[in-house]
Amino acid sequence: MEFQVSARKWRPQKFSELIGQEHIVRTLHNAIAMDRVAHAYLFSGTRGVGKTTTARLLAKALNCEQGPTPEPCDQCNFCQEIRDGYSVDVLEIDGASNRGINEVRDLIENVQYSTSACRFKVYIIDEVHMLTKEAFNALLKTLEEPPPKVVFIFATTELIKIPETILSRCQCFEFKPLTQQQIIDQLKAICEHDSITIDAHSLEEIAKNGAGSMRDAQSLLDQVIAFCGKEVESGAVESVLGVVGQNALSTFIDCVIQKDAAGLLQQVKEVIEHGKDLGYFCRDLIEYLRNLMLVKVAANAESLLSGQAVHLDTLKKQAGALQPDELQQMFYVLSRAEMEMKRSSLPQMLFEMAVLRLTDVRPLQEIDALIDQINRMEPPSGQSAPPPVRSSAPALRKAEAAPAQPAPKRDEPVDPPNVPGDRRQASTVNQLPPSAEGAWQKIRSAAGAIKRPLGTYLDNCRMTALDAKEMRLSFRDPYTLGLVEKEENFEVLKEAVAEVCGKPDIKIKLQLASSDPAVNTPEAAEPEPSKNQGSGNKGSASEEEVLKDALDVFGGIVIR
């Protein structure tokens, strides 16, 4: 027997074999059982989900020797003729090649004749949206009042192109895309029947690339089997379909976390050199970011990730180094790039620019937190503190409406109001001298000159102490701390410290910010009000001063 592709060999021949579309099967079952079969049906949905197959099953159910029956026997002459496609009373017409008004007129003329042998005359018009406007108009009257024992079944992948006058004369059924698990189960059954050895990850990759279409997934399976034979090796699906593996995606996200632009571009180059599809690569990155977001925000990420659970440890580690708003920004950048790549003549360059934008993603900050940070900033020695910025207009108007207080006498000491003495002393606790800050800047520059990624890691930490014996660094997240603790990075850091400080025996201690005793509390970091403020101001600021400070911090212009 000659070879048949899986999509034809495994086409369902009974309603019970149809995968998915339970709501449609139940409706057709009940319609046949209660003798309420309509004269026109319209099946719509994406490719490869069972529209034409269901139309043939309905024709078999209506004309079976044991019927009309909800479940055709698939053994009688009528069922076999319909299955093999040579029944004279069940006509399957291609709408793309018979789209004109002349073909529709011939169809209308033949409709008037009674059946030759079957119980019902069934017309199945596939891709009906390809018919011309005139052909649709010519079909309207016959479709509304057809002769007895005539059933029209239309199938289309573009429901929006069907005229409303046609839709109103049909019972419309929308076929849903198949789930990934439904496709995996069917592919697994096919492989077991044909004695094909294949791992679960390969089946998952094929089902994912099928994109809800059983026919597409079965065609991909045939392609993989033709490449590998009876033994489908792990990773063969990636080679055949032109997709990248999970290890490459994980390495790519590591480069994004490290802000390694050169490494990202090098990986894009390797993907292209290995013949991979950049569109698939971008799509897989988007799915990987979605998995990172699930791990970040969901308590039961294992159940949501399904087949990705094998990479759960890596996902958790990378999710700890990224904020949810960073993941959302990256998701938006890549989603937009994927859409633009489809219609661009330079998809590689467009993707490279999108990848570089990923390195500029930063966590978002609330405006109230920024204003609070401005208010806590201390002025350089010898200068007066800037007036505090108000975070809301009502508070500003209240401060402006406060009555002016009399100026203090010259021979009396001036103390800032409502500021305890111990808090003023705490403002200088744990503050590094300017020389230490300058040394820290030089250490970061020296480390970055030796190993550029290390300089990026040090930008995400804070030096809390530096003297002749010890230097302490405080990190905000354990991921960056782990990167700096690596032997090759730690040795470079020690070399940079010895070069800047001139002492090779300075001990370096790394710790998380949550366990850092040197971190100032909000009260200790509150600046001391200046003594040079006007006597009538008492800490309040005019609207012009507030705007000036905001423009200095955020930039921009004032529009009157």
Protein backbone atom coordinates (compact mmCIF):
# COMPACT_ATOMS: atom_id res chain seq x y z
CA MET A 1 0.00 0.00 0.00
CA GLU A 2 1.35 3.41 -0.93
CA PHE A 3 2.34 5.83 1.83
CA GLN A 4 -0.26 8.26 3.15
CA VAL A 5 0.61 11.31 5.18
CA SER A 6 -0.56 11.29 8.79
CA ALA A 7 -3.15 14.00 8.17
CA ARG A 8 -4.99 11.75 5.69
CA LYS A 9 -4.28 8.42 7.34
CA TRP A 10 -5.57 9.60 10.72
CA ARG A 11 -8.54 11.66 9.50
CA PRO A 12 -11.51 10.89 11.82
CA GLN A 13 -14.19 8.68 10.25
CA LYS A 14 -16.68 8.90 13.13
CA PHE A 15 -17.83 11.68 15.40
CA SER A 16 -16.33 9.80 18.36
CA GLU A 17 -12.87 10.08 16.74
CA LEU A 18 -13.09 13.84 16.28
CA ILE A 19 -10.68 15.59 18.65
CA GLY A 20 -11.99 18.72 20.33
CA GLN A 21 -15.08 20.62 19.11
CA GLU A 22 -17.30 18.80 21.63
CA HIS A 23 -19.91 21.58 21.51
CA ILE A 24 -20.34 21.13 17.73
CA VAL A 25 -20.44 17.33 17.89
CA ARG A 26 -23.12 17.43 20.58
CA THR A 27 -25.26 19.89 18.60
CA LEU A 28 -25.09 17.80 15.42
CA HIS A 29 -25.80 14.59 17.36
CA ASN A 30 -28.95 16.07 18.88
CA ALA A 31 -30.08 17.59 15.56
CA ILE A 32 -29.86 14.21 13.82
CA ALA A 33 -31.46 12.32 16.72
CA MET A 34 -34.42 14.73 16.91
CA ASP A 35 -34.77 15.04 13.12
CA ARG A 36 -33.99 18.78 13.23
CA VAL A 37 -31.28 18.91 10.56
CA ALA A 38 -30.96 22.36 8.97
CA HIS A 39 -30.64 22.87 5.24
CA ALA A 40 -27.48 25.05 5.48
CA TYR A 41 -24.48 25.01 7.80
CA LEU A 42 -21.43 27.28 7.95
CA PHE A 43 -18.26 25.96 9.63
CA SER A 44 -15.58 28.59 10.38
CA GLY A 45 -12.24 28.45 12.14
CA THR A 46 -8.50 28.30 11.61
CA ARG A 47 -6.89 25.71 9.36
CA GLY A 48 -6.59 22.07 10.36
CA VAL A 49 -9.19 22.00 13.16
CA GLY A 50 -11.75 19.66 11.51
CA LYS A 51 -14.15 21.77 9.43
CA THR A 52 -14.09 19.66 6.24
CA THR A 53 -13.85 16.45 8.26
CA THR A 54 -16.98 17.36 10.23
CA ALA A 55 -18.81 18.18 6.99
CA ARG A 56 -17.99 14.71 5.62
CA LEU A 57 -19.03 13.06 8.90
CA LEU A 58 -22.36 14.90 8.78
CA ALA A 59 -22.90 13.74 5.18
CA LYS A 60 -22.14 10.14 6.22
CA ALA A 61 -24.47 10.37 9.24
CA LEU A 62 -27.34 11.59 7.02
CA ASN A 63 -26.83 8.97 4.29
CA CYS A 64 -25.70 5.91 6.26
CA GLU A 65 -27.76 2.76 5.57
CA GLN A 66 -28.52 2.61 9.30
CA GLY A 67 -29.47 6.28 9.47
CA PRO A 68 -29.92 9.03 9.68
CA THR A 69 -27.82 8.20 12.73
CA PRO A 70 -25.70 10.30 15.09
CA GLU A 71 -22.82 7.84 14.60
CA PRO A 72 -22.25 6.53 11.03
CA CYS A 73 -21.18 2.90 10.70
CA ASP A 74 -18.35 3.63 8.22
CA GLN A 75 -18.92 0.12 6.77
CA CYS A 76 -21.87 0.44 4.39
CA ASN A 77 -21.51 1.34 0.71
CA PHE A 78 -22.74 4.90 1.21
CA CYS A 79 -20.24 5.59 4.03
CA GLN A 80 -17.37 4.12 2.01
CA GLU A 81 -18.28 6.12 -1.10
CA ILE A 82 -18.42 9.36 0.89
CA ARG A 83 -15.15 8.50 2.69
CA ASP A 84 -13.34 7.77 -0.60
CA GLY A 85 -14.82 10.82 -2.33
CA TYR A 86 -16.72 9.29 -5.27
CA SER A 87 -20.33 9.52 -4.06
CA VAL A 88 -22.53 11.07 -6.78
CA ASP A 89 -24.86 12.64 -4.19
CA VAL A 90 -22.21 14.19 -1.94
CA LEU A 91 -20.31 16.81 -3.91
CA GLU A 92 -17.24 18.53 -2.44
CA ILE A 93 -16.51 21.77 -4.29
CA ASP A 94 -13.40 23.96 -3.99
CA GLY A 95 -14.57 27.56 -3.63
CA ALA A 96 -11.25 28.94 -4.85
CA SER A 97 -11.45 27.26 -8.29
CA ASN A 98 -15.24 27.44 -8.68
CA ARG A 99 -15.80 30.97 -7.54
CA GLY A 100 -17.61 32.57 -10.47
CA ILE A 101 -21.30 33.07 -11.17
CA ASN A 102 -21.31 30.52 -13.99
CA GLU A 103 -20.23 27.70 -11.67
CA VAL A 104 -22.88 28.70 -9.14
CA ARG A 105 -25.54 28.69 -11.86
CA ASP A 106 -24.58 25.12 -12.80
CA LEU A 107 -24.83 24.16 -9.13
CA ILE A 108 -28.30 25.73 -8.82
CA GLU A 109 -29.47 23.88 -11.91
CA ASN A 110 -28.25 20.51 -10.58
CA VAL A 111 -29.84 21.09 -7.18
CA GLN A 112 -33.31 20.63 -8.68
CA TYR A 113 -32.66 16.97 -9.52
CA SER A 114 -33.35 14.30 -6.90
CA THR A 115 -30.66 12.08 -5.41
CA SER A 116 -29.34 9.07 -7.32
CA ALA A 117 -28.99 6.61 -4.43
CA CYS A 118 -28.39 8.43 -1.13
CA ARG A 119 -31.03 9.78 1.20
CA PHE A 120 -29.72 13.40 1.09
CA LYS A 121 -27.92 15.39 -1.57
CA VAL A 122 -25.08 17.24 0.25
CA TYR A 123 -23.02 20.11 -1.22
CA ILE A 124 -19.76 20.81 0.66
CA ILE A 125 -18.17 24.09 -0.50
CA ASP A 126 -14.71 24.55 0.98
CA GLU A 127 -13.13 28.02 1.28
CA VAL A 128 -16.49 29.55 0.48
CA HIS A 129 -15.20 33.06 1.18
CA MET A 130 -13.44 32.92 -2.21
CA LEU A 131 -16.74 33.15 -4.10
CA THR A 132 -17.37 36.43 -5.88
CA LYS A 133 -20.05 38.87 -4.80
CA GLU A 134 -22.16 37.96 -7.83
CA ALA A 135 -21.86 34.24 -7.03
CA PHE A 136 -23.03 34.83 -3.47
CA ASN A 137 -26.00 36.86 -4.72
CA ALA A 138 -26.97 34.14 -7.19
CA LEU A 139 -26.92 31.57 -4.39
CA LEU A 140 -29.17 33.50 -2.00
CA LYS A 141 -32.60 32.32 -3.19
CA THR A 142 -31.64 28.65 -3.48
CA LEU A 143 -29.90 28.79 -0.10
CA GLU A 144 -32.99 30.23 1.56
CA GLU A 145 -35.52 27.77 0.05
CA PRO A 146 -33.66 24.69 -1.27
CA PRO A 147 -35.45 21.62 -2.63
CA PRO A 148 -36.23 18.82 -0.14
CA LYS A 149 -33.40 16.53 0.97
CA VAL A 150 -30.68 19.04 0.02
CA VAL A 151 -28.11 20.21 2.57
CA PHE A 152 -25.46 22.88 2.01
CA ILE A 153 -22.32 22.81 4.19
CA PHE A 154 -19.90 25.74 3.83
CA ALA A 155 -16.37 25.85 5.32
CA THR A 156 -14.19 28.94 5.61
CA THR A 157 -11.12 30.21 7.40
CA GLU A 158 -12.14 33.87 6.99
CA LEU A 159 -15.61 34.38 8.38
CA ILE A 160 -15.35 38.16 8.04
CA LYS A 161 -15.49 37.84 4.22
CA ILE A 162 -18.85 36.06 4.21
CA PRO A 163 -21.78 38.41 3.41
CA GLU A 164 -24.35 38.93 6.15
CA THR A 165 -27.09 37.73 3.79
CA ILE A 166 -25.39 34.32 3.61
CA LEU A 167 -24.75 34.14 7.37
CA SER A 168 -28.41 34.81 8.15
CA ARG A 169 -29.45 31.77 6.07
CA CYS A 170 -27.06 29.31 7.77
CA GLN A 171 -26.48 27.76 11.14
CA CYS A 172 -22.98 28.99 12.00
CA PHE A 173 -20.48 26.95 14.02
CA GLU A 174 -17.06 28.29 15.01
CA PHE A 175 -14.34 25.67 15.41
CA LYS A 176 -11.86 26.38 18.19
CA PRO A 177 -8.09 25.84 17.87
CA LEU A 178 -6.98 22.62 19.52
CA THR A 179 -5.12 22.78 22.80
CA GLN A 180 -1.46 21.84 22.96
CA GLN A 181 -2.22 18.84 25.16
CA GLN A 182 -4.85 17.51 22.71
CA ILE A 183 -2.32 17.68 19.88
CA ILE A 184 0.39 16.02 22.00
CA ASP A 185 -1.91 13.13 22.90
CA GLN A 186 -2.81 12.51 19.25
CA LEU A 187 0.82 12.70 18.09
CA LYS A 188 1.81 10.29 20.85
CA ALA A 189 -0.87 7.83 19.70
CA ILE A 190 0.38 8.07 16.10
CA CYS A 191 3.99 7.41 17.15
CA GLU A 192 3.00 4.44 19.31
CA HIS A 193 0.97 2.93 16.45
CA ASP A 194 3.84 3.35 13.95
CA SER A 195 6.53 2.25 16.48
CA ILE A 196 8.24 5.65 16.48
CA THR A 197 10.44 6.45 19.49
CA ILE A 198 10.22 10.12 20.45
CA ASP A 199 10.71 12.02 23.70
CA ALA A 200 8.09 14.21 25.39
CA HIS A 201 10.00 17.45 24.78
CA SER A 202 10.09 16.84 21.02
CA LEU A 203 6.34 16.18 20.96
CA GLU A 204 5.80 19.41 22.87
CA GLU A 205 7.89 21.39 20.38
CA ILE A 206 5.95 19.95 17.43
CA ALA A 207 2.60 20.65 19.08
CA LYS A 208 3.64 24.20 19.93
CA ASN A 209 4.67 24.88 16.35
CA GLY A 210 1.36 23.44 15.17
CA ALA A 211 -0.29 26.54 16.66
CA GLY A 212 -3.62 24.83 17.38
CA SER A 213 -3.83 23.04 14.01
CA MET A 214 -3.84 19.24 14.10
CA ARG A 215 -3.03 19.00 10.39
CA ASP A 216 0.00 21.30 10.74
CA ALA A 217 1.29 19.33 13.72
CA GLN A 218 0.89 16.01 11.88
CA SER A 219 2.73 17.39 8.85
CA LEU A 220 5.60 18.53 11.10
CA LEU A 221 5.70 15.08 12.70
CA ASP A 222 6.03 13.47 9.26
CA GLN A 223 8.86 15.86 8.47
CA VAL A 224 10.72 15.00 11.69
CA ILE A 225 10.27 11.25 11.13
CA ALA A 226 11.60 11.60 7.59
CA PHE A 227 14.68 13.34 9.03
CA CYS A 228 15.36 10.99 11.97
CA GLY A 229 13.74 7.68 11.04
CA LYS A 230 12.21 5.46 13.71
CA GLU A 231 14.39 7.00 16.45
CA VAL A 232 13.72 10.71 16.93
CA GLU A 233 16.74 12.08 18.80
CA SER A 234 16.53 14.82 21.36
CA GLY A 235 17.14 18.15 19.66
CA ALA A 236 16.28 16.86 16.19
CA VAL A 237 13.03 18.82 16.19
CA GLU A 238 14.98 22.04 16.73
CA SER A 239 17.19 21.24 13.76
CA VAL A 240 14.31 20.38 11.44
CA LEU A 241 11.98 23.21 12.40
CA GLY A 242 14.64 25.90 12.72
CA VAL A 243 13.91 26.77 16.36
CA VAL A 244 16.37 27.33 19.19
CA GLY A 245 16.53 25.27 22.36
CA GLN A 246 15.83 26.24 25.94
CA ASN A 247 19.56 26.45 26.76
CA ALA A 248 20.05 29.16 24.13
CA LEU A 249 17.06 31.10 25.44
CA SER A 250 18.36 30.87 29.01
CA THR A 251 21.80 32.11 27.94
CA PHE A 252 20.19 34.99 26.05
CA ILE A 253 18.24 36.14 29.12
CA ASP A 254 21.43 35.89 31.22
CA CYS A 255 23.07 38.35 28.81
CA VAL A 256 20.05 40.65 29.13
CA ILE A 257 20.31 40.58 32.94
CA GLN A 258 24.04 41.35 32.74
CA LYS A 259 23.43 44.19 30.22
CA ASP A 260 25.94 42.49 27.91
CA ALA A 261 25.04 44.08 24.56
CA ALA A 262 28.01 42.53 22.75
CA GLY A 263 27.05 39.06 23.98
CA LEU A 264 23.47 39.50 22.80
CA LEU A 265 24.53 40.52 19.30
CA GLN A 266 26.96 37.61 19.15
CA GLN A 267 24.19 35.18 20.05
CA VAL A 268 21.91 36.64 17.37
CA LYS A 269 24.73 36.12 14.88
CA GLU A 270 25.12 32.48 15.95
CA VAL A 271 21.37 31.88 15.59
CA ILE A 272 21.51 33.14 12.01
CA GLU A 273 24.68 31.19 11.16
CA HIS A 274 23.04 27.95 12.36
CA GLY A 275 20.14 28.51 9.98
CA LYS A 276 17.56 29.27 12.67
CA ASP A 277 14.54 31.44 11.96
CA LEU A 278 14.71 34.82 13.71
CA GLY A 279 10.92 35.00 13.77
CA TYR A 280 10.74 31.73 15.70
CA PHE A 281 13.57 32.90 17.94
CA CYS A 282 11.73 36.13 18.78
CA ARG A 283 8.50 34.22 19.42
CA ASP A 284 10.29 31.76 21.73
CA LEU A 285 11.87 34.66 23.64
CA ILE A 286 8.42 36.18 24.16
CA GLU A 287 7.16 32.87 25.55
CA TYR A 288 10.24 32.61 27.78
CA LEU A 289 9.55 36.07 29.23
CA ARG A 290 5.95 35.00 29.86
CA ASN A 291 7.27 31.98 31.79
CA LEU A 292 9.55 34.25 33.83
CA MET A 293 6.56 36.45 34.69
CA LEU A 294 4.55 33.42 35.81
CA VAL A 295 7.38 32.28 38.05
CA LYS A 296 7.67 35.81 39.42
CA VAL A 297 4.02 36.41 40.33
CA ALA A 298 2.36 32.97 40.62
CA ALA A 299 2.56 30.74 43.66
CA ASN A 300 1.78 27.59 41.63
CA ALA A 301 4.05 28.26 38.67
CA GLU A 302 4.72 24.54 38.18
CA SER A 303 1.13 23.85 37.14
CA LEU A 304 0.99 26.86 34.81
CA LEU A 305 4.24 26.09 33.00
CA SER A 306 3.28 22.48 32.09
CA GLY A 307 6.12 21.17 29.92
CA GLN A 308 8.54 23.91 31.01
CA ALA A 309 8.81 22.50 34.56
CA VAL A 310 12.15 20.90 33.67
CA HIS A 311 13.67 24.40 33.48
CA LEU A 312 11.93 25.69 36.60
CA ASP A 313 15.11 26.17 38.66
CA THR A 314 16.69 28.32 35.97
CA LEU A 315 13.50 30.34 35.57
CA LYS A 316 13.30 31.00 39.31
CA LYS A 317 16.91 32.13 39.47
CA GLN A 318 16.53 34.54 36.54
CA ALA A 319 13.15 35.84 37.74
CA GLY A 320 14.77 36.83 41.03
CA ALA A 321 17.04 39.29 39.19
CA LEU A 322 14.22 41.01 37.27
CA GLN A 323 11.26 43.11 38.33
CA PRO A 324 7.74 42.54 36.93
CA ASP A 325 7.72 45.93 35.21
CA GLU A 326 11.05 45.09 33.53
CA LEU A 327 9.58 41.84 32.18
CA GLN A 328 6.54 43.71 30.88
CA GLN A 329 8.74 46.25 29.09
CA MET A 330 10.82 43.49 27.50
CA PHE A 331 7.67 41.63 26.48
CA TYR A 332 6.34 44.76 24.76
CA VAL A 333 9.63 45.43 22.94
CA LEU A 334 9.86 41.90 21.53
CA SER A 335 6.13 41.66 20.69
CA ARG A 336 6.34 44.84 18.68
CA ALA A 337 9.55 43.65 17.00
CA GLU A 338 7.92 40.36 15.98
CA MET A 339 5.05 42.17 14.26
CA GLU A 340 7.37 44.60 12.49
CA MET A 341 9.75 41.84 11.35
CA LYS A 342 6.96 40.16 9.36
CA ARG A 343 6.57 43.14 7.05
CA SER A 344 10.12 44.49 7.08
CA SER A 345 12.71 43.96 4.35
CA LEU A 346 15.48 44.05 7.01
CA PRO A 347 14.23 41.75 9.78
CA GLN A 348 17.72 41.00 11.15
CA MET A 349 18.61 44.65 11.72
CA LEU A 350 15.21 45.34 13.24
CA PHE A 351 15.62 42.43 15.64
CA GLU A 352 19.14 43.51 16.61
CA MET A 353 17.92 47.00 17.47
CA ALA A 354 15.12 45.52 19.55
CA VAL A 355 17.63 43.32 21.38
CA LEU A 356 19.80 46.34 22.20
CA ARG A 357 16.74 48.11 23.63
CA LEU A 358 16.40 45.25 26.12
CA THR A 359 19.68 46.32 27.74
CA ASP A 360 18.22 49.78 28.48
CA VAL A 361 15.19 48.48 30.38
CA ARG A 362 15.16 49.72 33.96
CA PRO A 363 12.67 49.22 36.82
CA LEU A 364 10.01 51.91 36.99
CA GLN A 365 9.93 54.20 40.02
CA GLU A 366 6.92 55.86 41.59
CA ILE A 367 6.83 59.64 41.51
CA ASP A 368 6.18 59.84 45.26
CA ALA A 369 9.31 57.81 45.97
CA LEU A 370 11.40 60.10 43.73
CA ILE A 371 10.04 63.22 45.42
CA ASP A 372 10.76 61.70 48.82
CA GLN A 373 14.31 60.96 47.67
CA ILE A 374 14.75 64.59 46.59
CA ASN A 375 13.56 65.82 49.99
CA ARG A 376 16.09 63.58 51.74
CA MET A 377 19.09 64.77 49.72
CA GLU A 378 21.71 66.69 51.78
CA PRO A 379 23.38 69.80 50.32
CA PRO A 380 27.17 70.06 50.00
CA SER A 381 28.97 71.63 52.95
CA GLY A 382 28.66 75.41 53.10
CA GLN A 383 25.44 75.54 51.05
CA SER A 384 21.89 75.86 52.19
CA ALA A 385 19.53 72.92 51.75
CA PRO A 386 17.07 73.19 48.87
CA PRO A 387 13.45 73.65 49.86
CA PRO A 388 11.53 70.36 50.13
CA VAL A 389 9.43 69.41 47.12
CA ARG A 390 5.75 68.97 47.80
CA SER A 391 4.14 65.82 46.34
CA SER A 392 0.66 67.34 46.05
CA ALA A 393 -0.84 70.69 45.19
CA PRO A 394 -3.16 70.89 48.28
CA ALA A 395 -0.16 70.55 50.60
CA LEU A 396 1.63 73.33 48.66
CA ARG A 397 -1.33 75.71 48.97
CA LYS A 398 -1.59 74.92 52.68
CA ALA A 399 2.08 75.74 53.19
CA GLU A 400 1.75 79.00 51.28
CA ALA A 401 -1.30 79.98 53.30
CA ALA A 402 0.50 79.51 56.64
CA PRO A 403 1.16 82.81 58.47
CA ALA A 404 4.73 84.07 58.57
CA GLN A 405 6.61 83.59 61.83
CA PRO A 406 8.79 86.33 63.34
CA ALA A 407 12.51 86.07 62.64
CA PRO A 408 14.72 84.92 65.56
CA LYS A 409 16.98 87.40 67.26
CA ARG A 410 20.63 87.48 66.30
CA ASP A 411 21.90 86.66 69.79
CA GLU A 412 19.69 83.57 70.08
CA PRO A 413 20.71 80.21 68.59
CA VAL A 414 18.56 79.07 65.71
CA ASP A 415 17.44 75.40 65.87
CA PRO A 416 15.41 73.76 63.14
CA PRO A 417 11.82 73.33 64.36
CA ASN A 418 10.43 69.86 65.15
CA VAL A 419 13.82 68.15 64.60
CA PRO A 420 15.16 66.31 67.70
CA GLY A 421 18.84 66.63 68.38
CA ASP A 422 19.49 62.90 68.11
CA ARG A 423 18.01 62.87 64.59
CA ARG A 424 20.33 65.70 63.52
CA GLN A 425 23.23 63.64 64.76
CA ALA A 426 21.96 60.54 62.97
CA SER A 427 22.07 62.40 59.66
CA THR A 428 25.83 62.01 59.61
CA VAL A 429 25.94 58.38 60.78
CA ASN A 430 27.24 55.87 58.26
CA GLN A 431 27.90 58.58 55.68
CA LEU A 432 31.07 57.86 53.67
CA PRO A 433 33.62 60.66 53.35
CA PRO A 434 34.17 62.18 49.90
CA SER A 435 37.57 60.47 49.63
CA ALA A 436 35.95 57.04 50.08
CA GLU A 437 33.32 57.84 47.47
CA GLY A 438 36.02 58.89 45.05
CA ALA A 439 37.96 55.71 45.72
CA TRP A 440 34.82 53.64 45.07
CA GLN A 441 34.33 55.34 41.72
CA LYS A 442 37.93 54.52 40.77
CA ILE A 443 37.52 50.89 41.92
CA ARG A 444 34.44 50.43 39.72
CA SER A 445 36.19 52.00 36.75
CA ALA A 446 39.29 49.83 37.23
CA ALA A 447 37.20 46.63 37.58
CA GLY A 448 35.15 47.53 34.49
CA ALA A 449 38.31 48.20 32.48
CA ILE A 450 39.61 44.71 33.30
CA LYS A 451 36.25 42.92 32.87
CA ARG A 452 33.38 44.99 31.53
CA PRO A 453 30.47 42.85 32.85
CA LEU A 454 31.91 43.15 36.37
CA GLY A 455 31.65 46.93 36.15
CA THR A 456 27.98 46.52 35.33
CA TYR A 457 27.46 44.27 38.35
CA LEU A 458 29.14 46.82 40.65
CA ASP A 459 26.77 49.52 39.39
CA ASN A 460 23.99 47.57 41.12
CA CYS A 461 25.59 47.59 44.58
CA ARG A 462 26.59 50.15 47.24
CA MET A 463 29.79 50.50 49.26
CA THR A 464 28.94 50.80 52.97
CA ALA A 465 32.46 50.91 54.44
CA LEU A 466 36.06 51.42 53.32
CA ASP A 467 39.19 51.72 55.44
CA ALA A 468 42.73 50.41 55.49
CA LYS A 469 41.62 46.93 56.53
CA GLU A 470 38.18 46.25 55.06
CA MET A 471 35.69 47.16 52.31
CA ARG A 472 32.01 46.18 52.52
CA LEU A 473 29.63 46.05 49.55
CA SER A 474 25.84 45.82 49.84
CA PHE A 475 23.78 44.21 47.02
CA ARG A 476 20.06 44.62 46.34
CA ASP A 477 19.47 41.11 44.95
CA PRO A 478 21.10 37.69 45.47
CA TYR A 479 21.55 37.12 41.73
CA THR A 480 24.03 40.00 41.31
CA LEU A 481 25.71 39.01 44.59
CA GLY A 482 26.23 35.49 43.25
CA LEU A 483 27.76 36.82 40.03
CA VAL A 484 30.32 38.97 41.90
CA GLU A 485 31.12 36.08 44.27
CA LYS A 486 32.32 33.96 41.35
CA GLU A 487 36.02 33.30 41.66
CA GLU A 488 37.03 34.98 38.40
CA ASN A 489 35.00 38.13 39.19
CA PHE A 490 36.09 38.30 42.84
CA GLU A 491 39.77 38.11 41.89
CA VAL A 492 39.33 40.99 39.43
CA LEU A 493 37.62 43.03 42.17
CA LYS A 494 40.49 42.35 44.60
CA GLU A 495 42.97 43.42 41.91
CA ALA A 496 41.07 46.68 41.33
CA VAL A 497 40.91 47.44 45.08
CA ALA A 498 44.64 46.79 45.50
CA GLU A 499 45.42 49.01 42.49
CA VAL A 500 43.34 51.96 43.72
CA CYS A 501 44.05 51.73 47.47
CA GLY A 502 47.67 50.59 47.18
CA LYS A 503 47.14 47.80 49.75
CA PRO A 504 46.71 44.19 48.54
CA ASP A 505 45.56 42.87 51.95
CA ILE A 506 42.24 44.75 52.18
CA LYS A 507 39.45 42.29 52.98
CA ILE A 508 36.30 42.46 50.84
CA LYS A 509 32.94 41.50 52.35
CA LEU A 510 29.82 41.05 50.21
CA GLN A 511 26.32 41.01 51.70
CA LEU A 512 22.68 41.59 50.83
CA ALA A 513 21.07 44.95 51.57
CA SER A 514 18.46 43.33 53.84
CA SER A 515 21.27 42.04 56.10
CA ASP A 516 23.41 45.18 55.87
CA PRO A 517 23.63 46.86 59.31
CA ALA A 518 25.11 49.97 57.71
CA VAL A 519 21.97 50.85 55.78
CA ASN A 520 20.50 54.10 57.07
CA THR A 521 16.94 54.18 58.29
CA PRO A 522 14.60 56.77 56.72
CA GLU A 523 14.78 58.85 59.90
CA ALA A 524 18.57 58.78 60.01
CA ALA A 525 18.79 59.84 56.40
CA GLU A 526 16.47 62.85 56.82
CA PRO A 527 18.45 66.03 56.12
CA GLU A 528 18.77 68.81 58.62
CA PRO A 529 16.85 71.93 57.67
CA SER A 530 19.09 74.81 56.71
CA LYS A 531 19.67 77.73 59.06
CA ASN A 532 19.83 80.11 56.13
CA GLN A 533 16.17 79.79 55.23
CA GLY A 534 14.12 82.90 55.38
CA SER A 535 12.37 83.61 58.63
CA GLY A 536 9.02 83.81 56.99
CA ASN A 537 9.39 80.54 55.05
CA LYS A 538 9.80 77.93 57.82
CA GLY A 539 10.48 75.10 55.32
CA SER A 540 7.75 76.02 52.85
CA ALA A 541 8.53 76.65 49.20
CA SER A 542 7.01 78.81 46.52
CA GLU A 543 5.52 77.30 43.38
CA GLU A 544 8.39 78.62 41.26
CA GLU A 545 10.97 76.92 43.52
CA VAL A 546 9.12 73.62 43.42
CA LEU A 547 8.94 73.72 39.62
CA LYS A 548 12.62 74.63 39.37
CA ASP A 549 13.65 71.68 41.55
CA ALA A 550 11.42 69.29 39.62
CA LEU A 551 12.88 70.48 36.30
CA ASP A 552 16.43 70.04 37.63
CA VAL A 553 15.66 66.41 38.53
CA PHE A 554 13.33 65.26 35.73
CA GLY A 555 14.13 67.69 32.91
CA GLY A 556 11.53 69.14 30.56
CA ILE A 557 10.01 72.58 29.98
CA VAL A 558 7.19 74.55 31.55
CA ILE A 559 4.20 75.29 29.29
CA ARG A 560 2.16 78.29 30.48
